[in-house]
Amino acid sequence: MKDLVADVQLIAKQFQMAGEFVDAVPITRGHINDTVAVAFRQNGGTRRYVLQRINRHVFNNPVAVMDNIERVTSRIRRKLMEAGASDIDRRVLTIMLTRAGHNCHVTSTGDYWRAYLFIEGAYVLDVVNTPQQVYQAAREFGLFQKYLTDLPSPRLAETIPDFHHTPKRIAALECAITSDAVNRAALVKPEIDFALRHKPMTGHLLAAGFPERITHNDTKFNNIMFDNVTGEGLCVLDLDTVMPGLALYDFGDMVRTATSPAAEDECDLTKVNMQMPMYEALVSGYLATAGDFLTPGEKANLAFSGKLITFETGVRFLTDYLEGDHYFKVHREGHNLDRCRAQFKLVESIEQQEEQMNRLVLNL
């Protein structure tokens, strides 16, 4: 990352950022892309931007990624204007164009860089603290889906095909177990057994015939910005995986990231628990904005989606661990395994409370 920051000033000059370059500070949250906040001094003040290098290993068609993001942010901006919203630049990501008028810059080495206006006066949270924060995040993600229900043709590109195709995720795990590329399978027999035992549930959502939506597909709690003063949910971040999908994919990932007090990579599994007050706030916030377009079948599967997407994410972490940690960034030995174990523990907690979770949805 140190070498990356040294190059950032040259990259920043390719974008329409006025003023004198001041500094660059790495932003370490996020598993996939390299992110840096840059500051420019202009007219006695400072304006900040976010520069990101798109991970070509994960997103092999950055042009399609950026075209999706441009279409989606333009649509949301239009909806916000129609609704008379204030502070629109804080409620939707603002793409900074290059000096040539493009939505990204390609370096001589084939790296793709993009830039956004930095959203000031806001914060992100990696771990949920209160039901009100959960409500605000869920409301914002539901609103995001709602704004895009009538996105005009053509269909958005699938930036990662089959991203939430859980049967294919379990098939990839089985391949990783068989190949055992880095000799780790013997170390994780309990996790492998857990995954294979849950294989029968993986095709349920795909077989249900739910309508295709425009979905975020990575609704982690830390992909919402909150206002520093009011605590209101402001803006949805990290739009790389916005593409056609099921609304329940988004809700399921919210259950995964917003209902447990533990971090995604928590090592003390006694801290991992699906908390019913958080789930109630999640359902209430999501249905406050998404409830008028969801079908009865979608609503009936809200709790199940939480179990499935949490399981799927654990499978992905386990697969990456078995393959040698190529996909997700790791910061310690066994990091992906820690992540996997935390997800599987949360699946167990959801299973123990699933009947109560379903009743709650029916009573709202």
Protein backbone atom coordinates (compact mmCIF):
# COMPACT_ATOMS: atom_id res chain seq x y z
CA MET A 1 0.00 0.00 0.00
CA LYS A 2 2.95 2.37 0.62
CA ASP A 3 4.03 2.21 -3.03
CA LEU A 4 0.42 2.63 -4.04
CA VAL A 5 0.10 5.91 -2.12
CA ALA A 6 3.29 7.19 -3.76
CA ASP A 7 1.69 6.75 -7.19
CA VAL A 8 -1.65 8.24 -6.24
CA GLN A 9 -0.74 11.87 -6.95
CA LEU A 10 -0.05 10.99 -10.57
CA ILE A 11 -3.32 9.05 -10.80
CA ALA A 12 -5.32 11.85 -9.19
CA LYS A 13 -4.11 14.30 -11.84
CA GLN A 14 -5.96 12.28 -14.45
CA PHE A 15 -9.31 13.23 -12.89
CA GLN A 16 -11.24 16.49 -12.79
CA MET A 17 -10.07 17.46 -9.30
CA ALA A 18 -9.35 21.15 -8.95
CA GLY A 19 -6.72 22.67 -6.70
CA GLU A 20 -3.38 21.69 -5.22
CA PHE A 21 -2.73 18.10 -4.14
CA VAL A 22 -2.31 17.92 -0.36
CA ASP A 23 -2.03 14.28 0.71
CA ALA A 24 -3.23 10.69 0.31
CA VAL A 25 -4.36 8.39 3.11
CA PRO A 26 -5.04 4.65 2.61
CA ILE A 27 -8.52 3.37 3.49
CA THR A 28 -8.06 -0.21 4.66
CA ARG A 29 -11.69 -1.31 5.05
CA GLY A 30 -12.89 -3.66 2.35
CA HIS A 31 -11.62 -7.03 1.14
CA ILE A 32 -11.26 -6.43 -2.60
CA ASN A 33 -10.13 -3.07 -4.03
CA ASP A 34 -7.25 -0.75 -3.09
CA THR A 35 -8.68 2.52 -1.78
CA VAL A 36 -7.07 5.88 -0.97
CA ALA A 37 -8.56 9.18 0.21
CA VAL A 38 -6.92 12.17 -1.47
CA ALA A 39 -7.20 15.83 -0.49
CA PHE A 40 -6.91 18.94 -2.67
CA ARG A 41 -6.60 22.52 -1.42
CA GLN A 42 -8.80 24.99 -3.27
CA ASN A 43 -9.89 28.58 -2.46
CA GLY A 44 -8.66 28.34 1.11
CA GLY A 45 -10.48 25.08 1.80
CA THR A 46 -9.89 21.38 1.31
CA ARG A 47 -11.92 18.96 -0.76
CA ARG A 48 -11.48 15.21 -0.51
CA TYR A 49 -12.02 12.42 -3.00
CA VAL A 50 -11.83 8.63 -2.95
CA LEU A 51 -9.56 6.90 -5.45
CA GLN A 52 -9.93 3.16 -6.01
CA ARG A 53 -7.96 0.68 -8.05
CA ILE A 54 -10.40 -1.96 -9.26
CA ASN A 55 -9.29 -5.49 -8.53
CA ARG A 56 -8.91 -7.08 -11.97
CA HIS A 57 -8.68 -10.56 -10.48
CA VAL A 58 -12.18 -10.24 -9.03
CA PHE A 59 -13.72 -7.96 -11.68
CA ASN A 60 -12.39 -9.01 -15.07
CA ASN A 61 -14.58 -6.50 -16.91
CA PRO A 62 -14.03 -3.15 -15.16
CA VAL A 63 -15.71 -1.28 -18.02
CA ALA A 64 -18.97 -3.14 -17.37
CA VAL A 65 -18.60 -2.51 -13.63
CA MET A 66 -18.27 1.22 -14.17
CA ASP A 67 -21.07 1.37 -16.73
CA ASN A 68 -23.38 -0.34 -14.22
CA ILE A 69 -22.36 2.08 -11.48
CA GLU A 70 -22.84 5.10 -13.72
CA ARG A 71 -26.34 3.99 -14.74
CA VAL A 72 -27.39 3.15 -11.19
CA THR A 73 -26.06 6.32 -9.55
CA SER A 74 -27.61 8.47 -12.29
CA ARG A 75 -30.99 6.80 -11.74
CA ILE A 76 -30.84 7.23 -7.97
CA ARG A 77 -29.78 10.86 -8.35
CA ARG A 78 -32.77 11.48 -10.59
CA LYS A 79 -35.13 9.82 -8.07
CA LEU A 80 -33.69 11.93 -5.24
CA MET A 81 -34.18 15.10 -7.26
CA GLU A 82 -37.77 14.14 -8.06
CA ALA A 83 -38.39 13.54 -4.36
CA GLY A 84 -36.99 16.98 -3.49
CA ALA A 85 -34.19 15.50 -1.38
CA SER A 86 -31.53 17.78 0.05
CA ASP A 87 -27.81 17.06 0.20
CA ILE A 88 -28.01 14.81 -2.85
CA ASP A 89 -24.21 14.56 -3.17
CA ARG A 90 -24.19 12.91 0.25
CA ARG A 91 -27.03 10.49 -0.57
CA VAL A 92 -25.61 8.89 -3.69
CA LEU A 93 -22.06 8.34 -4.89
CA THR A 94 -20.76 11.02 -7.25
CA ILE A 95 -18.47 9.67 -9.96
CA MET A 96 -15.59 12.00 -10.80
CA LEU A 97 -14.83 11.96 -14.51
CA THR A 98 -11.35 11.89 -15.94
CA ARG A 99 -10.00 14.91 -17.79
CA ALA A 100 -10.90 13.04 -20.97
CA GLY A 101 -14.51 12.68 -19.76
CA HIS A 102 -14.43 8.97 -18.90
CA ASN A 103 -15.73 7.27 -15.76
CA CYS A 104 -12.38 5.58 -15.09
CA HIS A 105 -8.69 5.93 -15.93
CA VAL A 106 -6.62 3.09 -17.38
CA THR A 107 -2.88 3.15 -16.67
CA SER A 108 -0.13 1.95 -18.99
CA THR A 109 0.06 -1.25 -16.92
CA GLY A 110 -3.65 -1.98 -17.41
CA ASP A 111 -4.86 -0.91 -13.96
CA TYR A 112 -8.34 0.63 -13.82
CA TRP A 113 -8.81 3.56 -11.44
CA ARG A 114 -12.01 5.38 -10.51
CA ALA A 115 -12.75 8.37 -8.31
CA TYR A 116 -15.69 9.48 -6.20
CA LEU A 117 -16.42 12.65 -4.30
CA PHE A 118 -15.70 12.01 -0.61
CA ILE A 119 -18.86 12.12 1.51
CA GLU A 120 -18.10 14.45 4.41
CA GLY A 121 -19.77 14.49 7.81
CA ALA A 122 -20.54 10.79 7.72
CA TYR A 123 -19.16 7.53 9.07
CA VAL A 124 -19.30 3.78 8.55
CA LEU A 125 -19.57 1.04 11.17
CA ASP A 126 -18.00 -2.42 10.99
CA VAL A 127 -19.99 -3.77 13.93
CA VAL A 128 -23.61 -2.98 14.75
CA ASN A 129 -24.25 -1.17 18.03
CA THR A 130 -27.97 -0.34 18.25
CA PRO A 131 -31.29 -1.43 16.70
CA GLN A 132 -31.73 2.11 15.38
CA GLN A 133 -28.54 1.80 13.33
CA VAL A 134 -29.79 -1.50 11.95
CA TYR A 135 -33.15 0.09 11.09
CA GLN A 136 -31.45 2.96 9.27
CA ALA A 137 -29.16 0.68 7.28
CA ALA A 138 -31.98 -1.66 6.27
CA ARG A 139 -34.18 1.27 5.30
CA GLU A 140 -31.39 2.63 3.08
CA PHE A 141 -30.78 -0.68 1.32
CA GLY A 142 -34.52 -1.13 0.78
CA LEU A 143 -34.72 2.36 -0.69
CA PHE A 144 -31.78 1.55 -2.96
CA GLN A 145 -33.68 -1.43 -4.37
CA LYS A 146 -36.89 0.57 -4.67
CA TYR A 147 -35.27 3.38 -6.66
CA LEU A 148 -34.04 0.81 -9.20
CA THR A 149 -37.24 -1.21 -9.69
CA ASP A 150 -37.95 0.70 -12.91
CA LEU A 151 -34.40 1.08 -14.23
CA PRO A 152 -34.77 1.32 -18.03
CA SER A 153 -33.34 -1.29 -20.39
CA PRO A 154 -30.88 -2.68 -21.21
CA ARG A 155 -30.35 -5.20 -18.44
CA LEU A 156 -27.36 -4.44 -16.22
CA ALA A 157 -24.24 -6.50 -16.84
CA GLU A 158 -23.49 -9.37 -14.47
CA THR A 159 -20.14 -8.20 -13.13
CA ILE A 160 -19.59 -11.52 -11.33
CA PRO A 161 -21.79 -14.17 -12.97
CA ASP A 162 -23.56 -16.48 -10.50
CA PHE A 163 -22.35 -14.38 -7.58
CA HIS A 164 -25.12 -15.65 -5.27
CA HIS A 165 -25.67 -18.98 -7.01
CA THR A 166 -25.31 -21.01 -3.82
CA PRO A 167 -25.32 -24.47 -5.47
CA LYS A 168 -22.35 -23.39 -7.60
CA ARG A 169 -20.60 -22.03 -4.50
CA ILE A 170 -20.92 -25.40 -2.79
CA ALA A 171 -19.72 -27.11 -5.99
CA ALA A 172 -16.65 -24.87 -5.99
CA LEU A 173 -16.01 -25.86 -2.38
CA GLU A 174 -16.23 -29.53 -3.28
CA CYS A 175 -13.65 -28.99 -6.02
CA ALA A 176 -11.38 -27.18 -3.56
CA ILE A 177 -11.71 -30.07 -1.11
CA THR A 178 -10.81 -32.60 -3.79
CA SER A 179 -7.82 -30.68 -5.16
CA ASP A 180 -6.60 -29.56 -1.69
CA ALA A 181 -4.10 -27.26 -3.42
CA VAL A 182 -2.29 -26.12 -0.26
CA ASN A 183 -2.84 -29.19 1.94
CA ARG A 184 -5.35 -27.63 4.31
CA ALA A 185 -8.38 -29.92 3.98
CA ALA A 186 -7.33 -32.17 6.86
CA LEU A 187 -7.25 -29.12 9.16
CA VAL A 188 -10.89 -28.17 8.57
CA LYS A 189 -12.86 -31.42 8.62
CA PRO A 190 -15.57 -30.06 10.99
CA GLU A 191 -16.13 -27.05 8.72
CA ILE A 192 -16.24 -29.24 5.61
CA ASP A 193 -18.73 -31.59 7.27
CA PHE A 194 -20.92 -28.64 8.29
CA ALA A 195 -20.94 -27.29 4.74
CA LEU A 196 -21.79 -30.60 3.08
CA ARG A 197 -24.50 -31.32 5.65
CA HIS A 198 -26.27 -28.10 4.63
CA LYS A 199 -25.94 -28.68 0.89
CA PRO A 200 -29.63 -29.68 0.38
CA MET A 201 -30.91 -26.16 1.20
CA THR A 202 -28.72 -24.35 -1.32
CA GLY A 203 -31.13 -24.38 -4.29
CA HIS A 204 -34.28 -23.20 -2.50
CA LEU A 205 -34.29 -19.52 -3.49
CA LEU A 206 -33.30 -20.23 -7.09
CA ALA A 207 -36.14 -22.75 -7.45
CA ALA A 208 -38.79 -20.46 -5.95
CA GLY A 209 -39.35 -18.36 -9.09
CA PHE A 210 -38.96 -14.98 -7.40
CA PRO A 211 -38.81 -11.90 -9.70
CA GLU A 212 -35.44 -10.57 -10.80
CA ARG A 213 -34.52 -7.23 -9.19
CA ILE A 214 -31.61 -4.83 -9.36
CA THR A 215 -29.73 -5.67 -6.20
CA HIS A 216 -26.58 -4.56 -4.41
CA ASN A 217 -25.40 -8.10 -3.69
CA ASP A 218 -22.97 -7.07 -0.92
CA THR A 219 -25.14 -5.46 1.75
CA LYS A 220 -22.61 -5.57 4.54
CA PHE A 221 -23.40 -3.19 7.37
CA ASN A 222 -20.25 -1.17 6.60
CA ASN A 223 -21.50 -0.38 3.09
CA ILE A 224 -23.84 2.26 4.52
CA MET A 225 -22.76 5.75 5.51
CA PHE A 226 -24.47 7.39 8.48
CA ASP A 227 -24.80 11.10 9.16
CA ASN A 228 -22.46 12.27 11.94
CA VAL A 229 -25.14 14.43 13.58
CA THR A 230 -28.47 12.65 13.07
CA GLY A 231 -27.33 9.04 12.71
CA GLU A 232 -29.56 8.77 9.64
CA GLY A 233 -28.61 6.31 6.91
CA LEU A 234 -27.27 8.44 4.06
CA CYS A 235 -25.69 6.56 1.21
CA VAL A 236 -25.05 3.06 -0.12
CA LEU A 237 -21.39 2.35 -0.91
CA ASP A 238 -19.42 -0.28 -2.83
CA LEU A 239 -21.50 -0.70 -5.97
CA ASP A 240 -19.20 -3.09 -7.85
CA THR A 241 -21.60 -6.01 -7.48
CA VAL A 242 -24.79 -4.13 -8.35
CA MET A 243 -26.46 -6.30 -10.98
CA PRO A 244 -29.60 -8.37 -11.57
CA GLY A 245 -30.41 -10.67 -8.68
CA LEU A 246 -32.97 -11.53 -6.02
CA ALA A 247 -34.08 -9.02 -3.41
CA LEU A 248 -33.58 -11.74 -0.81
CA TYR A 249 -29.85 -11.88 -1.56
CA ASP A 250 -29.55 -8.36 -0.21
CA PHE A 251 -31.75 -8.96 2.80
CA GLY A 252 -29.96 -12.19 3.64
CA ASP A 253 -26.59 -10.45 3.72
CA MET A 254 -28.06 -7.79 5.99
CA VAL A 255 -29.09 -10.50 8.43
CA ARG A 256 -25.54 -11.83 8.27
CA THR A 257 -23.85 -8.52 9.00
CA ALA A 258 -26.33 -6.59 11.12
CA THR A 259 -27.84 -8.99 13.63
CA SER A 260 -24.75 -10.32 15.41
CA PRO A 261 -22.66 -8.22 17.83
CA ALA A 262 -19.48 -9.94 16.62
CA ALA A 263 -17.21 -8.93 13.75
CA GLU A 264 -17.20 -10.97 10.57
CA ASP A 265 -13.84 -12.49 11.54
CA GLU A 266 -14.50 -12.92 15.27
CA CYS A 267 -12.37 -15.68 16.78
CA ASP A 268 -14.36 -16.00 20.02
CA LEU A 269 -17.42 -17.83 18.68
CA THR A 270 -19.32 -17.36 21.95
CA LYS A 271 -19.81 -13.76 20.82
CA VAL A 272 -21.50 -14.77 17.55
CA ASN A 273 -25.27 -14.76 17.96
CA MET A 274 -28.32 -13.69 15.95
CA GLN A 275 -30.01 -11.11 18.17
CA MET A 276 -33.78 -10.94 17.80
CA PRO A 277 -34.10 -7.19 18.62
CA MET A 278 -31.64 -6.47 15.82
CA TYR A 279 -33.55 -8.73 13.43
CA GLU A 280 -36.81 -6.99 14.27
CA ALA A 281 -35.22 -3.59 13.54
CA LEU A 282 -33.80 -5.00 10.30
CA VAL A 283 -37.15 -6.30 9.07
CA SER A 284 -38.94 -3.08 10.09
CA GLY A 285 -36.43 -0.84 8.33
CA TYR A 286 -36.29 -2.91 5.17
CA LEU A 287 -40.06 -3.29 4.79
CA ALA A 288 -40.51 0.46 5.43
CA THR A 289 -39.01 1.12 1.99
CA ALA A 290 -39.11 -2.22 0.16
CA GLY A 291 -42.38 -3.59 1.49
CA ASP A 292 -44.58 -2.14 -1.22
CA PHE A 293 -42.84 -3.95 -4.10
CA LEU A 294 -41.93 -7.29 -2.50
CA THR A 295 -44.15 -10.30 -3.22
CA PRO A 296 -45.70 -12.36 -0.40
CA GLY A 297 -43.26 -15.18 -1.23
CA GLU A 298 -40.29 -12.89 -0.89
CA LYS A 299 -41.50 -11.67 2.50
CA ALA A 300 -42.09 -15.23 3.67
CA ASN A 301 -38.45 -16.13 2.94
CA LEU A 302 -36.76 -13.23 4.69
CA ALA A 303 -35.53 -15.34 7.60
CA PHE A 304 -34.44 -18.22 5.36
CA SER A 305 -32.46 -15.82 3.18
CA GLY A 306 -30.43 -14.79 6.21
CA LYS A 307 -29.51 -18.40 6.90
CA LEU A 308 -28.70 -19.15 3.27
CA ILE A 309 -26.53 -16.10 2.51
CA THR A 310 -24.66 -16.45 5.79
CA PHE A 311 -23.99 -20.08 4.92
CA GLU A 312 -22.97 -19.17 1.37
CA THR A 313 -20.51 -16.56 2.64
CA GLY A 314 -18.98 -19.06 5.02
CA VAL A 315 -18.60 -21.49 2.13
CA ARG A 316 -16.81 -18.81 0.10
CA PHE A 317 -14.38 -18.09 2.94
CA LEU A 318 -13.73 -21.81 3.40
CA THR A 319 -13.17 -22.31 -0.33
CA ASP A 320 -10.69 -19.44 -0.46
CA TYR A 321 -8.87 -20.83 2.58
CA LEU A 322 -8.54 -24.23 0.89
CA GLU A 323 -7.33 -22.62 -2.35
CA GLY A 324 -4.63 -20.54 -0.65
CA ASP A 325 -6.35 -17.21 0.11
CA HIS A 326 -6.41 -15.78 -3.42
CA TYR A 327 -9.78 -13.96 -3.42
CA PHE A 328 -10.27 -12.18 -0.10
CA LYS A 329 -7.57 -10.03 1.45
CA VAL A 330 -6.18 -11.68 4.57
CA HIS A 331 -4.37 -9.94 7.41
CA ARG A 332 -3.27 -12.91 9.51
CA GLU A 333 -2.68 -16.62 9.27
CA GLY A 334 -5.98 -18.47 9.04
CA HIS A 335 -7.98 -15.29 8.54
CA ASN A 336 -10.37 -16.82 6.02
CA LEU A 337 -10.88 -19.81 8.30
CA ASP A 338 -11.77 -17.50 11.19
CA ARG A 339 -14.27 -15.78 8.92
CA CYS A 340 -15.75 -19.11 7.86
CA ARG A 341 -16.17 -20.33 11.43
CA ALA A 342 -17.92 -17.12 12.46
CA GLN A 343 -20.38 -17.47 9.57
CA PHE A 344 -21.17 -21.08 10.32
CA LYS A 345 -21.73 -20.28 13.99
CA LEU A 346 -24.19 -17.57 12.95
CA VAL A 347 -26.00 -20.07 10.72
CA GLU A 348 -26.49 -22.28 13.76
CA SER A 349 -27.85 -19.34 15.76
CA ILE A 350 -30.31 -18.47 12.99
CA GLU A 351 -31.48 -22.08 12.76
CA GLN A 352 -32.22 -22.12 16.48
CA GLN A 353 -34.43 -19.00 16.13
CA GLU A 354 -35.80 -19.37 12.60
CA GLU A 355 -39.36 -20.18 13.63
CA GLN A 356 -39.52 -17.07 15.82
CA MET A 357 -37.99 -14.98 13.01
CA ASN A 358 -40.71 -16.13 10.63
CA ARG A 359 -43.45 -15.29 13.11
CA LEU A 360 -42.03 -11.81 13.56
CA VAL A 361 -42.26 -11.12 9.81
CA LEU A 362 -45.88 -12.28 9.72
CA ASN A 363 -46.81 -10.00 12.62
CA LEU A 364 -45.28 -6.80 11.20
